[in-house]
Amino acid sequence: MPTILVADDDSNIRELVCLFLRNDGYDTAEAADGKEALAVYASTQIDLVVLDIMMPIMDGWTLCKELRRSNPDLPLLMLTARGETWEKVKGFQLGTDDYLTKPFDPLELTARVGALLKRYRIGSTQTIRLGSVVLDRQTYKVTIGSDSLALPLKEFELLYKLAGTPGQIYTREQLIDQIWGIDYTGDDRTIDVHIKRLRERFAATPDFRIETVRGLGYRLEVNE
């Protein structure tokens, strides 16, 4: 059963969120600030983190950054009373996967948690299917129906990363760090070049599209 870490300095909020998550079948862990959340994460198998922004000792911005640095694929959901657009943009730039403002509908919270966990399970498998397109991480092969397509390694890894969590926005910086490595010293516009090549290679494929999110980065959307 997935374990959800709820990090919030308001004990009433933590109790409420954990109650609804447990009623939905999840195990829960709690932390009253970012520093405590990191300690819980280090000692417990955590599958998703729900975190507040305004916390003492270590705020949600820093916690999000630290969690994303240690595990690029850990689902993160910001739950906060602060809902201005610039704050949402900052949250996405730091690596959060989703954003929910207080007061919140508990049913929406559990639905978002379920959706993120579904994305995470897809991202943690070795094979990803996007309609007729199949990406095999073990062999680095791409098949479209009965046809095979050879991709350069970095193009494959970029597509695999985006396809593992459809709908999630990745900044250029995140993609550079997670695919090229934090020691990469080239221009982050190399992401744009690789995205352009992927779009050209899959232009005739109706199963998915790679979208540019202005001011943020890129995301892959599956066509229904």
Protein backbone atom coordinates (compact mmCIF):
# COMPACT_ATOMS: atom_id res chain seq x y z
CA MET A 1 0.00 0.00 0.00
CA PRO A 2 1.46 3.43 -0.96
CA THR A 3 2.64 5.62 1.90
CA ILE A 4 1.93 9.36 1.70
CA LEU A 5 4.00 11.87 3.68
CA VAL A 6 2.00 14.93 4.74
CA ALA A 7 4.21 17.91 5.69
CA ASP A 8 2.29 20.82 7.22
CA ASP A 9 2.82 22.86 10.39
CA ASP A 10 -0.95 22.94 11.03
CA SER A 11 -1.78 19.80 12.99
CA ASN A 12 -5.48 20.09 12.11
CA ILE A 13 -4.69 20.11 8.40
CA ARG A 14 -2.34 17.15 8.78
CA GLU A 15 -4.99 15.21 10.69
CA LEU A 16 -7.67 15.99 8.10
CA VAL A 17 -5.50 15.14 5.10
CA CYS A 18 -4.25 11.91 6.68
CA LEU A 19 -7.80 10.92 7.62
CA PHE A 20 -9.06 11.17 4.06
CA LEU A 21 -5.97 9.49 2.65
CA ARG A 22 -6.30 6.57 5.06
CA ASN A 23 -10.01 6.30 4.25
CA ASP A 24 -8.95 5.99 0.62
CA GLY A 25 -6.66 3.10 1.49
CA TYR A 26 -3.27 4.81 1.84
CA ASP A 27 -0.77 4.62 4.68
CA THR A 28 0.36 8.00 5.98
CA ALA A 29 3.31 9.66 7.71
CA GLU A 30 3.42 13.19 9.13
CA ALA A 31 5.90 16.03 9.55
CA ALA A 32 5.44 19.49 11.07
CA ASP A 33 8.18 21.21 9.05
CA GLY A 34 10.51 20.64 6.13
CA LYS A 35 13.45 19.44 8.20
CA GLU A 36 11.31 16.82 9.92
CA ALA A 37 9.88 15.81 6.54
CA LEU A 38 13.38 15.10 5.19
CA ALA A 39 14.13 12.97 8.26
CA VAL A 40 10.92 10.98 7.81
CA TYR A 41 11.63 10.56 4.11
CA ALA A 42 15.14 9.29 4.86
CA SER A 43 13.87 6.63 7.29
CA THR A 44 10.59 5.57 5.64
CA GLN A 45 9.58 4.26 2.22
CA ILE A 46 7.57 7.24 0.94
CA ASP A 47 5.67 7.06 -2.34
CA LEU A 48 4.31 10.62 -2.52
CA VAL A 49 4.65 13.86 -0.53
CA VAL A 50 1.91 16.41 0.18
CA LEU A 51 3.66 19.58 1.37
CA ASP A 52 2.72 23.04 2.56
CA ILE A 53 4.75 26.09 1.53
CA MET A 54 4.74 28.15 4.73
CA MET A 55 6.43 25.98 7.37
CA PRO A 56 8.98 26.83 10.09
CA ILE A 57 12.64 25.75 10.10
CA MET A 58 12.50 24.68 6.43
CA ASP A 59 9.77 25.97 4.13
CA GLY A 60 8.03 24.08 1.34
CA TRP A 61 10.11 25.70 -1.41
CA THR A 62 13.33 24.34 0.09
CA LEU A 63 11.76 20.99 0.93
CA CYS A 64 10.52 20.59 -2.63
CA LYS A 65 13.98 21.41 -4.00
CA GLU A 66 15.71 18.96 -1.63
CA LEU A 67 13.27 16.12 -2.30
CA ARG A 68 13.51 16.63 -6.05
CA ARG A 69 17.31 16.64 -5.84
CA SER A 70 17.37 13.32 -3.97
CA ASN A 71 14.65 11.63 -6.06
CA PRO A 72 13.71 13.18 -9.43
CA ASP A 73 10.75 10.80 -9.78
CA LEU A 74 9.09 11.27 -6.37
CA PRO A 75 5.55 12.67 -6.85
CA LEU A 76 5.09 16.00 -5.06
CA LEU A 77 1.78 17.79 -4.41
CA MET A 78 1.83 21.30 -2.95
CA LEU A 79 -1.15 21.98 -0.67
CA THR A 80 -1.19 25.62 0.40
CA ALA A 81 -3.28 28.70 1.06
CA ARG A 82 -1.01 30.71 -1.22
CA GLY A 83 -2.37 30.46 -4.74
CA GLU A 84 -0.96 33.41 -6.70
CA THR A 85 0.18 32.56 -10.21
CA TRP A 86 3.84 33.42 -9.60
CA GLU A 87 3.89 31.04 -6.63
CA LYS A 88 2.47 28.22 -8.72
CA VAL A 89 5.08 28.92 -11.40
CA LYS A 90 7.84 28.87 -8.77
CA GLY A 91 6.51 25.59 -7.41
CA PHE A 92 6.58 23.97 -10.84
CA GLN A 93 10.05 25.34 -11.52
CA LEU A 94 11.30 23.78 -8.28
CA GLY A 95 9.80 20.44 -9.24
CA THR A 96 6.31 20.04 -7.81
CA ASP A 97 3.99 17.87 -9.89
CA ASP A 98 0.68 19.40 -8.84
CA TYR A 99 -0.74 22.28 -6.84
CA LEU A 100 -3.89 22.47 -4.68
CA THR A 101 -4.97 25.54 -2.69
CA LYS A 102 -6.69 25.67 0.70
CA PRO A 103 -9.54 25.35 1.44
CA PHE A 104 -9.63 22.15 -0.59
CA ASP A 105 -12.15 19.46 -1.44
CA PRO A 106 -10.93 16.19 0.14
CA LEU A 107 -12.28 14.23 -2.83
CA GLU A 108 -10.22 16.37 -5.19
CA LEU A 109 -7.14 15.85 -3.00
CA THR A 110 -7.44 12.05 -3.03
CA ALA A 111 -8.17 12.11 -6.78
CA ARG A 112 -5.02 14.13 -7.45
CA VAL A 113 -2.97 11.83 -5.23
CA GLY A 114 -4.31 8.80 -7.11
CA ALA A 115 -3.50 10.39 -10.47
CA LEU A 116 0.05 11.22 -9.42
CA LEU A 117 0.66 7.70 -8.11
CA LYS A 118 -0.62 6.30 -11.38
CA ARG A 119 1.87 8.47 -13.26
CA TYR A 120 4.65 7.40 -10.92
CA ARG A 121 3.97 3.71 -11.44
CA ILE A 122 4.05 4.25 -15.21
CA GLY A 123 7.31 6.18 -14.90
CA SER A 124 8.95 3.46 -12.78
CA THR A 125 8.34 0.64 -15.28
CA GLN A 126 10.85 -0.32 -17.97
CA THR A 127 8.27 -0.23 -20.76
CA ILE A 128 5.99 2.68 -21.57
CA ARG A 129 3.16 2.43 -24.09
CA LEU A 130 1.66 5.48 -25.76
CA GLY A 131 -0.99 4.02 -28.02
CA SER A 132 0.89 2.26 -30.83
CA VAL A 133 4.25 3.62 -29.62
CA VAL A 134 6.23 1.46 -27.16
CA LEU A 135 9.42 2.60 -25.40
CA ASP A 136 11.58 -0.15 -23.90
CA ARG A 137 14.14 1.20 -21.41
CA GLN A 138 15.98 -2.11 -21.11
CA THR A 139 16.83 -2.28 -24.81
CA TYR A 140 16.43 1.41 -25.70
CA LYS A 141 14.19 0.34 -28.57
CA VAL A 142 11.19 2.22 -29.89
CA THR A 143 8.47 0.47 -31.85
CA ILE A 144 5.53 2.01 -33.66
CA GLY A 145 3.14 -0.80 -34.38
CA SER A 146 5.25 -3.41 -36.15
CA ASP A 147 7.97 -0.94 -37.14
CA SER A 148 11.14 -0.13 -35.21
CA LEU A 149 12.62 3.33 -34.82
CA ALA A 150 16.23 3.94 -33.78
CA LEU A 151 16.70 7.01 -31.58
CA PRO A 152 19.94 8.56 -30.36
CA LEU A 153 20.42 7.86 -26.67
CA LYS A 154 19.64 11.34 -25.37
CA GLU A 155 16.54 11.64 -27.54
CA PHE A 156 15.31 8.31 -26.18
CA GLU A 157 15.97 9.32 -22.58
CA LEU A 158 14.26 12.67 -23.08
CA LEU A 159 11.18 11.08 -24.64
CA TYR A 160 11.12 8.34 -21.98
CA LYS A 161 11.26 10.95 -19.22
CA LEU A 162 8.39 12.97 -20.65
CA ALA A 163 6.33 9.86 -21.48
CA GLY A 164 6.76 8.40 -18.00
CA THR A 165 4.62 11.17 -16.47
CA PRO A 166 2.18 12.46 -19.11
CA GLY A 167 0.93 15.95 -18.33
CA GLN A 168 3.80 16.82 -15.99
CA ILE A 169 5.70 19.99 -16.81
CA TYR A 170 9.50 19.80 -16.86
CA THR A 171 11.69 22.89 -17.06
CA ARG A 172 14.77 22.88 -19.26
CA GLU A 173 16.91 22.93 -16.13
CA GLN A 174 15.21 19.83 -14.72
CA LEU A 175 15.61 17.93 -17.97
CA ILE A 176 19.26 18.93 -18.27
CA ASP A 177 19.99 17.84 -14.68
CA GLN A 178 18.10 14.54 -14.94
CA ILE A 179 19.27 13.47 -18.40
CA TRP A 180 22.58 15.21 -19.09
CA GLY A 181 23.62 15.44 -15.44
CA ILE A 182 24.27 18.31 -13.05
CA ASP A 183 27.84 18.66 -14.34
CA TYR A 184 26.67 19.47 -17.88
CA THR A 185 28.20 22.76 -18.96
CA GLY A 186 26.54 23.26 -22.35
CA ASP A 187 23.63 25.48 -23.32
CA ASP A 188 20.26 24.39 -21.93
CA ARG A 189 18.80 25.24 -25.34
CA THR A 190 20.01 21.79 -26.39
CA ILE A 191 16.67 20.66 -24.94
CA ASP A 192 14.88 22.72 -27.59
CA VAL A 193 16.93 21.06 -30.33
CA HIS A 194 16.16 17.55 -29.07
CA ILE A 195 12.46 18.37 -28.65
CA LYS A 196 12.36 19.68 -32.22
CA ARG A 197 13.92 16.44 -33.51
CA LEU A 198 11.48 14.29 -31.53
CA ARG A 199 8.53 16.25 -32.89
CA GLU A 200 9.81 15.74 -36.42
CA ARG A 201 10.36 12.00 -35.91
CA PHE A 202 6.85 11.46 -34.48
CA ALA A 203 5.01 14.03 -36.59
CA ALA A 204 2.94 11.30 -38.25
CA THR A 205 2.13 9.58 -34.96
CA PRO A 206 -1.31 10.53 -33.59
CA ASP A 207 -0.81 8.93 -30.17
CA PHE A 208 0.89 11.80 -28.33
CA ARG A 209 2.24 15.31 -28.65
CA ILE A 210 4.99 17.28 -26.91
CA GLU A 211 3.71 20.69 -25.85
CA THR A 212 5.65 23.84 -25.04
CA VAL A 213 4.44 25.48 -21.82
CA ARG A 214 5.39 29.11 -22.20
CA GLY A 215 7.64 30.36 -19.43
CA LEU A 216 7.99 26.90 -17.88
CA GLY A 217 9.17 24.12 -20.19
CA TYR A 218 7.71 21.05 -21.85
CA ARG A 219 5.17 18.31 -21.21
CA LEU A 220 3.93 15.30 -23.13
CA GLU A 221 0.20 14.86 -23.63
CA VAL A 222 -1.44 11.62 -24.70
CA ASN A 223 -4.03 12.09 -27.43
CA GLU A 224 -7.37 10.55 -26.51
